[in-house]
Amino acid sequence: MRLMTVLDRPIERQRKKTLAVNEVSLVAVDLDGTLLTSAGSVAPEGAHLLRLAARRGLHVVLATSRNPDAVRFFCRLLEINDPIICTNGAQVWASPDGPVWAHHAIPRQVALTLAEWADMHDWELSVTVGATTYWRQRPGQALGPITPHVTVVSTNADAITGDPLRMLAHQPEAINSLRSLCQQFPAQCYAQVHCKPDGTAHSLGMFAPSADKGTALALVCERLGIGRENVMAIGDNINDLPMFPHAQLSVTMGNAPQVVKQKVNIIAPSNDEEGVAWALQRFVLTEKHGVKRSGKGE
């Protein structure tokens, strides 16, 4: 009875107590803050039930701001081979190994303007171009590759080797300034603040206009022939909000900011309390899928 301590908690965690639930055939799930705990580890019961869902024929689609090389690791861990939504929707892959269904990048000249502005103010950016993420050099740090997909460069501008899929800033003073600068290029990029559970800013992501998880999820569902009525989307932050209109069941974690909780029809326990497992057990993996309400499965 592995999930009793989480799954038998009162249903008051839901915002709406009565839901007309059709059979779910696709689960789109975020990683950081959702399937991953606050310590960065995979929630074991959530992972177990996602594997089980995949074995039962459900599509499990990881939808994350992480790059494809990182997402492939989690696909192997979860034993799934479904489409993946990477870099906040800037990339959509038909499977972890491709082919690529969508690719949305910030034009190089616009990205260079953002990078040079950050250099002028001594702000650090993380910039993803193709399969490589570039970090601006810190004191004492050697230049050049540190992993097959991460390279240290001397300036942010040096990272703009092509059209970036993603640009990230974490320093508080950089967030508002770069967000305002992005607003000067509405047809080329947009900026999105990622929040901490208390609603304060954690980081700023800069992406091409079509790079969002909602557009990506709509594409995946269209390619797979799955309607909104058969989709559950699970996330925890502002960049997950575009997914929710494309899912009959929209679920957020108990650790989500209040602005996200107001936009979903289900609030699960937190990522540290197996919120993903709670949602799967209660709304997806019913007895017809081989999982009893007691939590016993394979």
Foldseek 3Di string as FASTA:
>chain_A
DPQCVFQVDDQVLFPDPDAPADAAQEEEEEQPFTQADPVRHGDVLLLVVLLLSVVLRGHYEYAYLADLVVVVVSCVSSVHFAWYQYNQQQWIARGSVGDTPHHFFFFLVLQLVLQVVCQVVVFWKWWADDQAIETADDPPDDFADPDPRYTYDPGSNVRSPGTTAKMKGFDPVSAVVSQVSVVVPLQRKHKDFKAWLQRHGGMIMIHGPCRARLNNVVVSCVVVVHAQSNYEYEEATPSSLSNQVRHSAYEYEPSHHPVVVVRGRGYAYTSVSPRSSNCCLPRHCDVVSQAHNVGDHD
